Amino acid sequence: MAEVNIKNMTLNFGPQHPAAHGVLRLVMELDGEVIERCDPHIGLLHRGTEKLIEY
Protein backbone atom coordinates (compact mmCIF):
# COMPACT_ATOMS: atom_id res chain seq x y z
CA MET A 1 0.00 0.00 0.00
CA ALA A 2 1.29 3.48 -0.87
CA GLU A 3 2.00 5.87 1.97
CA VAL A 4 -0.07 9.06 1.86
CA ASN A 5 1.60 12.30 2.97
CA ILE A 6 -0.97 14.71 4.44
CA LYS A 7 -0.08 18.35 5.04
CA ASN A 8 -2.22 20.91 6.81
CA MET A 9 -2.19 24.50 5.59
CA THR A 10 -1.70 27.44 7.95
CA LEU A 11 -3.63 30.55 6.92
CA ASN A 12 -3.38 34.07 8.37
CA PHE A 13 -6.74 35.87 8.23
CA GLY A 14 -6.58 39.59 8.97
CA PRO A 15 -6.07 42.06 10.52
CA GLN A 16 -8.56 43.79 8.27
CA HIS A 17 -7.79 47.47 8.68
CA PRO A 18 -5.67 49.40 11.22
CA ALA A 19 -8.45 51.95 11.81
CA ALA A 20 -11.11 49.29 12.46
CA HIS A 21 -12.52 49.00 15.97
CA GLY A 22 -11.30 45.86 17.72
CA VAL A 23 -8.78 44.60 15.17
CA LEU A 24 -8.90 40.80 14.86
CA ARG A 25 -6.38 38.39 13.34
CA LEU A 26 -7.04 34.65 13.02
CA VAL A 27 -4.30 32.06 12.51
CA MET A 28 -6.10 29.00 11.16
CA GLU A 29 -4.87 25.49 10.45
CA LEU A 30 -6.82 23.94 7.57
CA ASP A 31 -7.24 20.35 6.41
CA GLY A 32 -8.61 20.96 2.92
CA GLU A 33 -11.64 23.20 3.49
CA VAL A 34 -12.12 22.16 7.13
CA ILE A 35 -10.72 24.36 9.92
CA GLU A 36 -8.83 22.08 12.30
CA ARG A 37 -7.50 24.77 14.67
CA CYS A 38 -8.02 28.51 15.07
CA ASP A 39 -5.89 30.86 17.19
CA PRO A 40 -7.46 34.35 17.55
CA HIS A 41 -5.22 37.36 18.20
CA ILE A 42 -7.41 40.16 19.51
CA GLY A 43 -5.91 43.63 19.21
CA LEU A 44 -6.40 46.68 21.38
CA LEU A 45 -9.22 49.04 20.59
CA HIS A 46 -7.95 52.25 19.05
CA ARG A 47 -8.73 54.22 22.24
CA GLY A 48 -6.76 51.81 24.43
CA THR A 49 -9.72 50.64 26.56
CA GLU A 50 -7.86 47.51 27.68
CA LYS A 51 -4.89 49.61 28.82
CA LEU A 52 -7.15 51.94 30.84
CA ILE A 53 -8.73 49.09 32.84
CA GLU A 54 -5.41 47.48 33.85
CA TYR A 55 -5.28 49.42 37.13
PDB file of N, CA and C in Angstrom:
ATOM      1  N   MET A   1       0.836  -1.176   0.000  1.00  0.00           N
ATOM      2  CA  MET A   1       0.000   0.000   0.000  1.00  0.00           C
ATOM      3  C   MET A   1       0.889   1.251   0.000  1.00  0.00           C
ATOM      4  N   ALA A   2       0.517   2.239  -0.781  1.00  0.00           N
ATOM      5  CA  ALA A   2       1.287   3.475  -0.867  1.00  0.00           C
ATOM      6  C   ALA A   2       1.046   4.333   0.367  1.00  0.00           C
ATOM      7  N   GLU A   3       2.107   4.994   0.796  1.00  0.00           N
ATOM      8  CA  GLU A   3       2.003   5.868   1.965  1.00  0.00           C
ATOM      9  C   GLU A   3       1.508   7.243   1.517  1.00  0.00           C
ATOM     10  N   VAL A   4       0.513   7.766   2.208  1.00  0.00           N
ATOM     11  CA  VAL A   4      -0.068   9.064   1.862  1.00  0.00           C
ATOM     12  C   VAL A   4       0.511  10.122   2.790  1.00  0.00           C
ATOM     13  N   ASN A   5       1.037  11.191   2.203  1.00  0.00           N
ATOM     14  CA  ASN A   5       1.598  12.296   2.974  1.00  0.00           C
ATOM     15  C   ASN A   5       0.548  13.404   3.050  1.00  0.00           C
ATOM     16  N   ILE A   6       0.077  13.695   4.252  1.00  0.00           N
ATOM     17  CA  ILE A   6      -0.965  14.711   4.445  1.00  0.00           C
ATOM     18  C   ILE A   6      -0.335  15.940   5.091  1.00  0.00           C
ATOM     19  N   LYS A   7      -0.580  17.098   4.492  1.00  0.00           N
ATOM     20  CA  LYS A   7      -0.076  18.353   5.037  1.00  0.00           C
ATOM     21  C   LYS A   7      -1.254  19.272   5.332  1.00  0.00           C
ATOM     22  N   ASN A   8      -1.231  19.886   6.486  1.00  0.00           N
ATOM     23  CA  ASN A   8      -2.220  20.910   6.813  1.00  0.00           C
ATOM     24  C   ASN A   8      -1.681  22.263   6.377  1.00  0.00           C
ATOM     25  N   MET A   9      -2.572  23.171   6.023  1.00  0.00           N
ATOM     26  CA  MET A   9      -2.189  24.500   5.590  1.00  0.00           C
ATOM     27  C   MET A   9      -2.454  25.485   6.720  1.00  0.00           C
ATOM     28  N   THR A  10      -1.503  26.384   6.967  1.00  0.00           N
ATOM     29  CA  THR A  10      -1.695  27.444   7.952  1.00  0.00           C
ATOM     30  C   THR A  10      -2.040  28.723   7.202  1.00  0.00           C
ATOM     31  N   LEU A  11      -3.129  29.369   7.616  1.00  0.00           N
ATOM     32  CA  LEU A  11      -3.632  30.550   6.920  1.00  0.00           C
ATOM     33  C   LEU A  11      -3.782  31.695   7.912  1.00  0.00           C
ATOM     34  N   ASN A  12      -3.203  32.855   7.579  1.00  0.00           N
ATOM     35  CA  ASN A  12      -3.383  34.072   8.371  1.00  0.00           C
ATOM     36  C   ASN A  12      -4.563  34.844   7.803  1.00  0.00           C
ATOM     37  N   PHE A  13      -5.542  35.148   8.641  1.00  0.00           N
ATOM     38  CA  PHE A  13      -6.738  35.870   8.225  1.00  0.00           C
ATOM     39  C   PHE A  13      -6.789  37.174   9.004  1.00  0.00           C
ATOM     40  N   GLY A  14      -6.533  38.287   8.330  1.00  0.00           N
ATOM     41  CA  GLY A  14      -6.580  39.589   8.974  1.00  0.00           C
ATOM     42  C   GLY A  14      -5.200  40.037   9.426  1.00  0.00           C
ATOM     43  N   PRO A  15      -5.025  41.114  10.111  1.00  0.00           N
ATOM     44  CA  PRO A  15      -6.065  42.058  10.524  1.00  0.00           C
ATOM     45  C   PRO A  15      -6.618  42.818   9.322  1.00  0.00           C
ATOM     46  N   GLN A  16      -7.862  43.212   9.419  1.00  0.00           N
ATOM     47  CA  GLN A  16      -8.557  43.786   8.268  1.00  0.00           C
ATOM     48  C   GLN A  16      -8.088  45.206   7.944  1.00  0.00           C
ATOM     49  N   HIS A  17      -8.161  46.082   8.928  1.00  0.00           N
ATOM     50  CA  HIS A  17      -7.788  47.474   8.682  1.00  0.00           C
ATOM     51  C   HIS A  17      -7.313  48.086   9.993  1.00  0.00           C
ATOM     52  N   PRO A  18      -6.201  48.826   9.974  1.00  0.00           N
ATOM     53  CA  PRO A  18      -5.672  49.399  11.224  1.00  0.00           C
ATOM     54  C   PRO A  18      -6.638  50.350  11.933  1.00  0.00           C
ATOM     55  N   ALA A  19      -7.527  51.006  11.197  1.00  0.00           N
ATOM     56  CA  ALA A  19      -8.454  51.950  11.814  1.00  0.00           C
ATOM     57  C   ALA A  19      -9.744  51.289  12.282  1.00  0.00           C
ATOM     58  N   ALA A  20      -9.886  49.983  12.052  1.00  0.00           N
ATOM     59  CA  ALA A  20     -11.112  49.285  12.456  1.00  0.00           C
ATOM     60  C   ALA A  20     -11.157  49.136  13.972  1.00  0.00           C
ATOM     61  N   HIS A  21     -12.352  49.170  14.530  1.00  0.00           N
ATOM     62  CA  HIS A  21     -12.518  49.001  15.971  1.00  0.00           C
ATOM     63  C   HIS A  21     -12.348  47.531  16.322  1.00  0.00           C
ATOM     64  N   GLY A  22     -11.502  47.239  17.293  1.00  0.00           N
ATOM     65  CA  GLY A  22     -11.300  45.856  17.719  1.00  0.00           C
ATOM     66  C   GLY A  22     -10.679  44.995  16.641  1.00  0.00           C
ATOM     67  N   VAL A  23      -9.469  45.329  16.239  1.00  0.00           N
ATOM     68  CA  VAL A  23      -8.782  44.603  15.171  1.00  0.00           C
ATOM     69  C   VAL A  23      -8.640  43.130  15.550  1.00  0.00           C
ATOM     70  N   LEU A  24      -8.939  42.235  14.613  1.00  0.00           N
ATOM     71  CA  LEU A  24      -8.905  40.798  14.857  1.00  0.00           C
ATOM     72  C   LEU A  24      -8.057  40.110  13.798  1.00  0.00           C
ATOM     73  N   ARG A  25      -7.184  39.215  14.247  1.00  0.00           N
ATOM     74  CA  ARG A  25      -6.385  38.389  13.342  1.00  0.00           C
ATOM     75  C   ARG A  25      -6.601  36.941  13.737  1.00  0.00           C
ATOM     76  N   LEU A  26      -6.851  36.072  12.766  1.00  0.00           N
ATOM     77  CA  LEU A  26      -7.040  34.651  13.018  1.00  0.00           C
ATOM     78  C   LEU A  26      -5.923  33.876  12.341  1.00  0.00           C
ATOM     79  N   VAL A  27      -5.272  32.983  13.080  1.00  0.00           N
ATOM     80  CA  VAL A  27      -4.301  32.057  12.508  1.00  0.00           C
ATOM     81  C   VAL A  27      -4.989  30.703  12.499  1.00  0.00           C
ATOM     82  N   MET A  28      -5.310  30.225  11.286  1.00  0.00           N
ATOM     83  CA  MET A  28      -6.102  29.005  11.161  1.00  0.00           C
ATOM     84  C   MET A  28      -5.271  27.888  10.548  1.00  0.00           C
ATOM     85  N   GLU A  29      -5.486  26.677  11.028  1.00  0.00           N
ATOM     86  CA  GLU A  29      -4.872  25.487  10.448  1.00  0.00           C
ATOM     87  C   GLU A  29      -5.970  24.721   9.723  1.00  0.00           C
ATOM     88  N   LEU A  30      -5.789  24.539   8.403  1.00  0.00           N
ATOM     89  CA  LEU A  30      -6.819  23.936   7.568  1.00  0.00           C
ATOM     90  C   LEU A  30      -6.409  22.546   7.098  1.00  0.00           C
ATOM     91  N   ASP A  31      -7.388  21.664   7.033  1.00  0.00           N
ATOM     92  CA  ASP A  31      -7.235  20.353   6.405  1.00  0.00           C
ATOM     93  C   ASP A  31      -8.206  20.349   5.234  1.00  0.00           C
ATOM     94  N   GLY A  32      -7.720  20.755   4.066  1.00  0.00           N
ATOM     95  CA  GLY A  32      -8.610  20.961   2.924  1.00  0.00           C
ATOM     96  C   GLY A  32      -9.432  22.211   3.165  1.00  0.00           C
ATOM     97  N   GLU A  33     -10.753  22.066   3.220  1.00  0.00           N
ATOM     98  CA  GLU A  33     -11.637  23.202   3.488  1.00  0.00           C
ATOM     99  C   GLU A  33     -12.137  23.218   4.928  1.00  0.00           C
ATOM    100  N   VAL A  34     -11.661  22.291   5.746  1.00  0.00           N
ATOM    101  CA  VAL A  34     -12.118  22.165   7.130  1.00  0.00           C
ATOM    102  C   VAL A  34     -11.102  22.835   8.054  1.00  0.00           C
ATOM    103  N   ILE A  35     -11.581  23.706   8.934  1.00  0.00           N
ATOM    104  CA  ILE A  35     -10.717  24.365   9.915  1.00  0.00           C
ATOM    105  C   ILE A  35     -10.471  23.394  11.059  1.00  0.00           C
ATOM    106  N   GLU A  36      -9.208  23.007  11.241  1.00  0.00           N
ATOM    107  CA  GLU A  36      -8.830  22.080  12.304  1.00  0.00           C
ATOM    108  C   GLU A  36      -8.525  22.814  13.608  1.00  0.00           C
ATOM    109  N   ARG A  37      -7.913  24.012  13.498  1.00  0.00           N
ATOM    110  CA  ARG A  37      -7.502  24.772  14.674  1.00  0.00           C
ATOM    111  C   ARG A  37      -7.564  26.248  14.326  1.00  0.00           C
ATOM    112  N   CYS A  38      -7.948  27.071  15.289  1.00  0.00           N
ATOM    113  CA  CYS A  38      -8.022  28.511  15.071  1.00  0.00           C
ATOM    114  C   CYS A  38      -7.484  29.222  16.309  1.00  0.00           C
ATOM    115  N   ASP A  39      -6.522  30.119  16.100  1.00  0.00           N
ATOM    116  CA  ASP A  39      -5.894  30.858  17.190  1.00  0.00           C
ATOM    117  C   ASP A  39      -6.180  32.348  16.985  1.00  0.00           C
ATOM    118  N   PRO A  40      -7.142  32.927  17.735  1.00  0.00           N
ATOM    119  CA  PRO A  40      -7.461  34.346  17.547  1.00  0.00           C
ATOM    120  C   PRO A  40      -6.467  35.251  18.271  1.00  0.00           C
ATOM    121  N   HIS A  41      -6.061  36.316  17.601  1.00  0.00           N
ATOM    122  CA  HIS A  41      -5.221  37.356  18.199  1.00  0.00           C
ATOM    123  C   HIS A  41      -6.058  38.625  18.203  1.00  0.00           C
ATOM    124  N   ILE A  42      -6.520  39.007  19.381  1.00  0.00           N
ATOM    125  CA  ILE A  42      -7.413  40.156  19.505  1.00  0.00           C
ATOM    126  C   ILE A  42      -6.587  41.383  19.846  1.00  0.00           C
ATOM    127  N   GLY A  43      -6.690  42.409  19.023  1.00  0.00           N
ATOM    128  CA  GLY A  43      -5.914  43.627  19.212  1.00  0.00           C
ATOM    129  C   GLY A  43      -6.582  44.595  20.165  1.00  0.00           C
ATOM    130  N   LEU A  44      -5.844  45.632  20.521  1.00  0.00           N
ATOM    131  CA  LEU A  44      -6.396  46.676  21.376  1.00  0.00           C
ATOM    132  C   LEU A  44      -7.348  47.545  20.572  1.00  0.00           C
ATOM    133  N   LEU A  45      -8.359  48.062  21.234  1.00  0.00           N
ATOM    134  CA  LEU A  45      -9.219  49.045  20.592  1.00  0.00           C
ATOM    135  C   LEU A  45      -8.401  50.310  20.357  1.00  0.00           C
ATOM    136  N   HIS A  46      -8.783  51.103  19.405  1.00  0.00           N
ATOM    137  CA  HIS A  46      -7.947  52.253  19.052  1.00  0.00           C
ATOM    138  C   HIS A  46      -7.879  53.293  20.161  1.00  0.00           C
ATOM    139  N   ARG A  47      -8.783  53.268  21.116  1.00  0.00           N
ATOM    140  CA  ARG A  47      -8.727  54.216  22.235  1.00  0.00           C
ATOM    141  C   ARG A  47      -8.008  53.638  23.446  1.00  0.00           C
ATOM    142  N   GLY A  48      -7.531  52.395  23.346  1.00  0.00           N
ATOM    143  CA  GLY A  48      -6.760  51.808  24.430  1.00  0.00           C
ATOM    144  C   GLY A  48      -7.596  51.437  25.637  1.00  0.00           C
ATOM    145  N   THR A  49      -8.824  50.983  25.449  1.00  0.00           N
ATOM    146  CA  THR A  49      -9.717  50.640  26.558  1.00  0.00           C
ATOM    147  C   THR A  49      -9.094  49.589  27.467  1.00  0.00           C
ATOM    148  N   GLU A  50      -8.476  48.572  26.870  1.00  0.00           N
ATOM    149  CA  GLU A  50      -7.864  47.513  27.681  1.00  0.00           C
ATOM    150  C   GLU A  50      -6.750  48.073  28.562  1.00  0.00           C
ATOM    151  N   LYS A  51      -5.979  49.010  28.044  1.00  0.00           N
ATOM    152  CA  LYS A  51      -4.895  49.615  28.816  1.00  0.00           C
ATOM    153  C   LYS A  51      -5.453  50.429  29.985  1.00  0.00           C
ATOM    154  N   LEU A  52      -6.561  51.111  29.781  1.00  0.00           N
ATOM    155  CA  LEU A  52      -7.148  51.938  30.836  1.00  0.00           C
ATOM    156  C   LEU A  52      -7.675  51.112  32.007  1.00  0.00           C
ATOM    157  N   ILE A  53      -8.140  49.888  31.758  1.00  0.00           N
ATOM    158  CA  ILE A  53      -8.726  49.089  32.836  1.00  0.00           C
ATOM    159  C   ILE A  53      -7.720  48.149  33.496  1.00  0.00           C
ATOM    160  N   GLU A  54      -6.429  48.315  33.208  1.00  0.00           N
ATOM    161  CA  GLU A  54      -5.412  47.477  33.847  1.00  0.00           C
ATOM    162  C   GLU A  54      -5.260  47.798  35.332  1.00  0.00           C
ATOM    163  N   TYR A  55      -5.529  49.012  35.746  1.00  0.00           N
ATOM    164  CA  TYR A  55      -5.278  49.418  37.132  1.00  0.00           C
ATOM    165  C   TYR A  55      -6.360  48.990  38.064  1.00  0.00           C
TER     166      TYR A  55
END
